[in-house]
Amino acid sequence: MAGQQRRLAEQQRQYADGRMVPWLLERDGRIVGAITLSGIALGVFFSSYLGYWVAADQQGRGLATGAVQRVCRIARDTIGLHRIEATILPENTGSARVLGKCGFEAIGLAPCYLHINGRWRDHRIFQRVLHDEPPVV
C-alpha cells in the first residue's frame, strides 16, 4: 500500500510539472486499464514514452487500440508532441499488434532494457512520428 501511495504521489508531481499525463480506462464502472504519456520532453525533442496495460479479461476487445489512438491524437493536437516511443517485451505479440494498428513502427531492440521479475529483459522499441511540422514555441 505504501509503495502504491509513493508511486501515485510521484505521478502527481510529474503531472503537475508537465512531464507525464495519465489516464484510466474504465468499463462498466470498473478500472480495466491505464495509459500514460511519460518522460514528456519539449525543446527540440517534443517526444514522450507511451505505456499502457489492460486487464486480462478485457484484452482482445479493441480497448487498448482505441486508447492508444486517442492518446496519439491528444499528444499531437493538444500537447504538440512530434514523436511517441513505446517498448514491449519481444513475446508480447498483442501489444505489437496494437502498436502496429496505431501507426507505430518497430525501430530496434534494446538489450537488458528493464528489470522485470528479477532479471533484466530485452525490449522491442517502437515509435510513431505524429507530424513533421516545426515545433511551436
Protein backbone atom coordinates (compact mmCIF):
# COMPACT_ATOMS: atom_id res chain seq x y z
CA MET A 1 0.00 0.00 0.00
CA ALA A 2 2.78 2.45 0.91
CA GLY A 3 4.57 1.67 -2.35
CA GLN A 4 1.43 2.45 -4.37
CA GLN A 5 0.96 5.71 -2.45
CA ARG A 6 4.55 6.75 -3.22
CA ARG A 7 4.05 5.84 -6.89
CA LEU A 8 0.84 7.88 -7.13
CA ALA A 9 2.42 10.85 -5.35
CA GLU A 10 5.33 10.77 -7.81
CA GLN A 11 2.91 10.61 -10.75
CA GLN A 12 1.05 13.63 -9.36
CA ARG A 13 4.34 15.56 -9.16
CA GLN A 14 5.26 14.64 -12.73
CA TYR A 15 1.78 15.60 -13.96
CA ALA A 16 1.99 18.97 -12.18
CA ASP A 17 5.42 19.54 -13.80
CA GLY A 18 4.07 18.67 -17.28
CA ARG A 19 6.31 15.60 -17.57
CA MET A 20 3.52 12.99 -17.72
CA VAL A 21 -0.18 12.59 -18.41
CA PRO A 22 -2.01 9.51 -17.07
CA TRP A 23 -5.46 8.20 -17.98
CA LEU A 24 -7.53 5.37 -16.50
CA LEU A 25 -9.53 3.05 -18.75
CA GLU A 26 -12.96 2.30 -17.36
CA ARG A 27 -15.65 -0.10 -18.48
CA ASP A 28 -18.96 -0.62 -16.64
CA GLY A 29 -17.75 1.36 -13.63
CA ARG A 30 -14.58 -0.72 -13.25
CA ILE A 31 -11.00 0.36 -13.88
CA VAL A 32 -9.77 -2.09 -16.53
CA GLY A 33 -6.55 -0.43 -17.60
CA ALA A 34 -4.38 2.65 -17.76
CA ILE A 35 -2.37 4.53 -20.35
CA THR A 36 0.35 7.08 -19.73
CA LEU A 37 2.50 9.51 -21.64
CA SER A 38 5.64 9.90 -19.55
CA GLY A 39 9.03 11.47 -19.91
CA ILE A 40 7.47 14.32 -21.88
CA ALA A 41 10.31 16.35 -23.35
CA LEU A 42 9.78 19.58 -25.22
CA GLY A 43 12.50 21.84 -26.60
CA VAL A 44 13.96 20.34 -29.76
CA PHE A 45 12.78 16.81 -28.88
CA PHE A 46 8.98 17.11 -28.45
CA SER A 47 8.71 13.44 -27.60
CA SER A 48 7.27 11.10 -24.96
CA TYR A 49 7.10 7.47 -23.87
CA LEU A 50 3.84 5.54 -24.06
CA GLY A 51 2.90 2.87 -21.55
CA TYR A 52 -0.36 1.03 -21.05
CA TRP A 53 -1.98 -2.07 -19.60
CA VAL A 54 -5.39 -3.69 -19.94
CA ALA A 55 -6.92 -6.25 -17.58
CA ALA A 56 -6.58 -9.80 -18.88
CA ASP A 57 -10.36 -10.28 -19.12
CA GLN A 58 -10.68 -7.13 -21.27
CA GLN A 59 -7.95 -7.87 -23.81
CA GLY A 60 -8.80 -8.50 -27.46
CA ARG A 61 -11.78 -6.11 -27.41
CA GLY A 62 -10.13 -3.07 -29.00
CA LEU A 63 -9.80 -1.14 -25.74
CA ALA A 64 -6.01 -0.70 -25.96
CA THR A 65 -6.14 0.17 -29.67
CA GLY A 66 -8.80 2.83 -29.11
CA ALA A 67 -6.96 4.28 -26.13
CA VAL A 68 -3.60 4.43 -27.95
CA GLN A 69 -5.21 6.09 -30.98
CA ARG A 70 -6.91 8.71 -28.81
CA VAL A 71 -3.77 9.43 -26.78
CA CYS A 72 -1.78 9.85 -30.01
CA ARG A 73 -4.31 12.48 -31.17
CA ILE A 74 -4.08 14.30 -27.83
CA ALA A 75 -0.28 14.12 -27.92
CA ARG A 76 -0.22 15.68 -31.38
CA ASP A 77 -3.11 18.15 -31.22
CA THR A 78 -3.13 19.26 -27.58
CA ILE A 79 0.38 18.70 -26.24
CA GLY A 80 2.12 19.31 -29.57
CA LEU A 81 4.40 16.28 -29.48
CA HIS A 82 6.31 15.22 -32.59
CA ARG A 83 7.05 11.60 -31.62
CA ILE A 84 6.00 8.86 -29.20
CA GLU A 85 8.11 5.85 -28.26
CA ALA A 86 6.85 2.56 -26.82
CA THR A 87 8.77 -0.52 -25.71
CA ILE A 88 7.44 -4.05 -25.27
CA LEU A 89 8.76 -7.46 -24.34
CA PRO A 90 9.62 -9.40 -27.53
CA GLU A 91 6.99 -12.07 -26.79
CA ASN A 92 4.19 -9.51 -26.31
CA THR A 93 2.53 -10.08 -29.68
CA GLY A 94 -0.74 -8.47 -28.53
CA SER A 95 0.91 -5.12 -27.85
CA ALA A 96 2.89 -5.38 -31.09
CA ARG A 97 -0.44 -5.73 -32.93
CA VAL A 98 -1.95 -2.76 -31.05
CA LEU A 99 1.05 -0.55 -31.83
CA GLY A 100 1.05 -1.62 -35.48
CA LYS A 101 -2.66 -0.79 -35.84
CA CYS A 102 -1.96 2.63 -34.33
CA GLY A 103 0.79 3.57 -36.77
CA PHE A 104 3.86 2.68 -34.71
CA GLU A 105 6.85 1.12 -36.45
CA ALA A 106 9.45 -1.19 -34.95
CA ILE A 107 12.84 0.53 -34.84
CA GLY A 108 15.05 -1.85 -32.89
CA LEU A 109 15.83 -3.99 -29.89
CA ALA A 110 17.10 -2.70 -26.54
CA PRO A 111 19.02 -5.45 -24.76
CA CYS A 112 18.59 -5.64 -20.96
CA TYR A 113 16.22 -2.64 -21.07
CA LEU A 114 14.09 -3.09 -17.92
CA HIS A 115 14.41 -5.11 -14.72
CA ILE A 116 11.25 -7.26 -14.61
CA ASN A 117 10.55 -10.23 -12.32
CA GLY A 118 14.09 -10.37 -11.02
CA ARG A 119 16.04 -10.05 -14.26
CA TRP A 120 16.98 -7.61 -16.99
CA ARG A 121 14.73 -8.07 -20.01
CA ASP A 122 15.20 -7.14 -23.67
CA HIS A 123 12.52 -4.91 -25.22
CA ARG A 124 11.46 -4.12 -28.76
CA ILE A 125 11.36 -0.38 -29.46
CA PHE A 126 8.53 1.18 -31.48
CA GLN A 127 7.95 4.78 -32.46
CA ARG A 128 5.27 6.85 -34.10
CA VAL A 129 6.10 10.18 -35.68
CA LEU A 130 2.96 12.26 -35.21
CA HIS A 131 3.74 15.10 -37.63
CA ASP A 132 6.59 16.83 -39.45
CA GLU A 133 5.68 20.43 -38.58
CA PRO A 134 8.26 22.65 -36.89
CA PRO A 135 7.86 22.95 -33.10
CA VAL A 136 5.52 25.59 -31.74
CA VAL A 137 7.32 27.52 -29.03
